[in-house]
Protein backbone atom coordinates (compact mmCIF):
# COMPACT_ATOMS: atom_id res chain seq x y z
CA MET A 1 77.38 114.92 122.20
CA SER A 2 78.48 114.60 118.49
CA PRO A 3 79.27 110.54 117.58
CA LYS A 4 83.37 110.08 117.41
CA VAL A 5 84.48 110.23 113.86
CA ARG A 6 86.00 107.57 112.22
CA ARG A 7 89.13 108.88 110.10
CA ARG A 8 89.12 108.00 106.41
CA ILE A 9 91.62 105.73 104.90
CA GLY A 10 92.68 107.85 102.47
CA GLU A 11 93.70 110.23 105.05
CA ILE A 12 95.83 107.81 107.38
CA LEU A 13 97.81 107.32 104.79
CA ILE A 14 98.32 110.26 104.26
CA GLU A 15 99.22 110.96 107.33
CA ASP A 16 101.74 108.33 107.47
CA GLY A 17 103.04 109.38 104.17
CA LEU A 18 101.99 106.20 102.18
CA LEU A 19 100.00 107.92 99.99
CA SER A 20 100.47 110.98 98.27
CA LYS A 21 97.21 113.68 97.64
CA THR A 22 97.03 113.86 94.15
CA GLN A 23 97.24 110.03 94.42
CA LEU A 24 94.01 109.55 97.00
CA GLU A 25 92.59 112.43 93.95
CA GLU A 26 93.14 110.08 91.75
CA ALA A 27 91.40 107.33 93.18
CA LEU A 28 88.40 108.93 94.06
CA ALA A 29 87.64 110.24 91.04
CA HIS A 30 87.47 106.13 89.90
CA GLN A 31 85.46 105.31 92.93
CA LYS A 32 83.15 107.98 91.86
CA GLU A 33 83.12 107.18 88.09
CA LYS A 34 82.92 103.30 88.46
CA GLY A 35 82.23 102.53 91.96
CA GLY A 36 84.42 99.98 93.94
CA LEU A 37 86.25 100.13 97.29
CA ILE A 38 89.09 102.88 97.50
CA GLY A 39 91.10 100.56 99.29
CA LYS A 40 91.30 98.01 96.03
CA ILE A 41 91.49 101.19 93.25
CA LEU A 42 94.70 102.42 95.47
CA VAL A 43 96.36 98.82 95.35
CA GLU A 44 95.44 97.80 91.47
CA LYS A 45 96.65 101.57 90.85
CA ASN A 46 100.19 100.44 92.45
CA PHE A 47 99.57 103.45 95.22
CA VAL A 48 100.12 101.24 97.63
CA ASP A 49 100.90 97.51 98.30
CA GLU A 50 98.20 95.43 100.62
CA GLU A 51 100.04 95.37 103.30
CA THR A 52 100.28 99.10 103.33
CA LEU A 53 96.55 98.84 102.75
CA ILE A 54 95.98 96.47 105.96
CA GLY A 55 98.02 98.19 108.28
CA ALA A 56 96.07 100.98 107.58
CA LEU A 57 92.36 99.31 107.68
CA GLY A 58 93.56 98.20 111.16
CA LYS A 59 94.99 101.43 112.20
CA GLN A 60 91.57 102.71 111.23
CA PHE A 61 88.80 99.87 112.65
CA LYS A 62 90.90 98.97 115.31
CA VAL A 63 90.23 94.92 113.82
CA PRO A 64 92.51 92.23 113.89
CA TYR A 65 94.71 91.30 110.87
CA ILE A 66 94.41 87.83 110.01
CA PRO A 67 96.67 86.14 107.61
CA LEU A 68 94.76 83.42 105.81
CA LYS A 69 97.30 81.73 103.75
CA ASN A 70 98.46 81.01 107.27
CA TYR A 71 95.18 79.94 108.32
CA SER A 72 94.46 76.11 107.67
CA ILE A 73 90.58 77.18 106.58
CA ASN A 74 87.59 75.08 107.59
CA PRO A 75 86.00 73.50 104.35
CA ASP A 76 82.99 73.28 105.75
CA MET A 77 81.92 76.84 105.77
CA ALA A 78 81.46 75.86 102.49
CA ASP A 79 78.00 75.07 104.10
CA LEU A 80 76.82 78.69 105.88
CA LEU A 81 77.09 80.91 102.59
CA ASN A 82 77.28 80.45 99.48
CA ALA A 83 80.27 81.85 96.75
CA ASP A 84 78.15 84.79 95.26
CA PHE A 85 77.31 85.94 98.67
CA CYS A 86 80.88 86.35 99.60
CA HIS A 87 82.55 87.30 95.96
CA GLU A 88 79.32 90.07 96.23
CA ASN A 89 80.99 91.40 99.77
CA MET A 90 84.57 90.26 99.35
CA LEU A 91 84.43 88.22 102.95
CA VAL A 92 84.87 84.35 103.70
CA ALA A 93 83.85 82.58 106.69
CA PHE A 94 87.04 80.90 107.46
CA ASP A 95 85.75 79.06 110.92
CA CYS A 96 83.40 78.70 113.84
CA ASP A 97 82.00 77.42 116.83
CA HIS A 98 78.69 77.51 118.38
CA LYS A 99 78.49 80.87 118.87
CA LYS A 100 80.39 82.65 116.42
CA VAL A 101 81.23 82.89 112.70
CA TYR A 102 84.82 83.98 112.01
CA VAL A 103 84.60 85.96 109.14
CA ALA A 104 87.54 87.35 106.86
CA VAL A 105 86.77 90.67 105.58
CA ALA A 106 88.24 93.93 103.34
CA ASP A 107 85.73 95.96 104.40
CA PRO A 108 84.40 95.88 107.96
CA MET A 109 82.59 98.70 107.70
CA ASN A 110 80.40 96.60 105.62
CA ASP A 111 77.30 96.31 108.18
CA ALA A 112 74.69 94.78 105.62
CA ALA A 113 76.83 92.12 104.68
CA LEU A 114 78.36 91.39 108.52
CA GLU A 115 74.55 91.03 109.21
CA SER A 116 73.86 88.89 106.63
CA VAL A 117 75.96 86.57 107.34
CA ARG A 118 74.60 86.88 111.48
CA THR A 119 70.65 85.78 109.36
CA GLN A 120 72.18 83.28 107.34
CA THR A 121 74.77 81.43 110.04
CA GLY A 122 72.63 81.95 112.94
CA ARG A 123 76.29 82.70 114.95
CA MET A 124 77.57 86.46 115.78
CA PRO A 125 80.56 87.33 113.26
CA GLN A 126 83.77 87.86 115.03
CA ILE A 127 85.82 89.63 112.16
CA PHE A 128 89.44 90.08 110.83
CA LEU A 129 90.85 91.43 108.19
CA ALA A 130 92.38 89.80 105.48
CA ARG A 131 94.27 91.31 101.73
CA ILE A 132 91.69 90.95 98.81
CA SER A 133 93.93 88.36 97.05
CA GLU A 134 93.56 86.22 100.17
CA ILE A 135 89.71 86.44 100.57
CA LEU A 136 89.23 85.32 96.98
CA ASN A 137 91.95 82.83 97.55
CA ALA A 138 90.44 80.87 100.28
CA ILE A 139 86.54 81.38 98.69
CA TYR A 140 88.41 79.19 95.47
CA PHE A 141 89.86 76.63 98.07
CA ILE A 142 86.03 76.23 100.02
CA TYR A 143 83.71 76.77 97.24
CA HIS A 144 85.73 74.87 94.20
CA GLU A 145 88.65 73.06 95.48
CA THR A 146 87.05 70.94 97.90
CA PRO A 147 84.85 67.63 96.93
């Protein structure tokens, strides 16, 4: 039996009528040349907005969206992960309990980063999708605004 194949974000956006094949091809060419997350490239090129991207990612990965701007972020998270790691992996820990660390991610497929979160915190990561802009704002709040 073959493993279940996950639909690609570009395919979902095209099927939903939110992106053209030409736009996807342009974004993929940009990604091949300069690297980066395809979703971030689609937003930077104004092919889709962040809300559209988050909706498609949620559909693709069956991961819930958390609007970080509406969430009270625990400033103690600065002690769990460092700012550079969060920036590099476009994720942020926004709360935790004894067993889990709650992490907002832009890329739910970054298994290496999630494993690193587990190793660094000693807790299982519970992931949520979040807008890149909200993740960056949370990183700024946690690492630059707190005393």
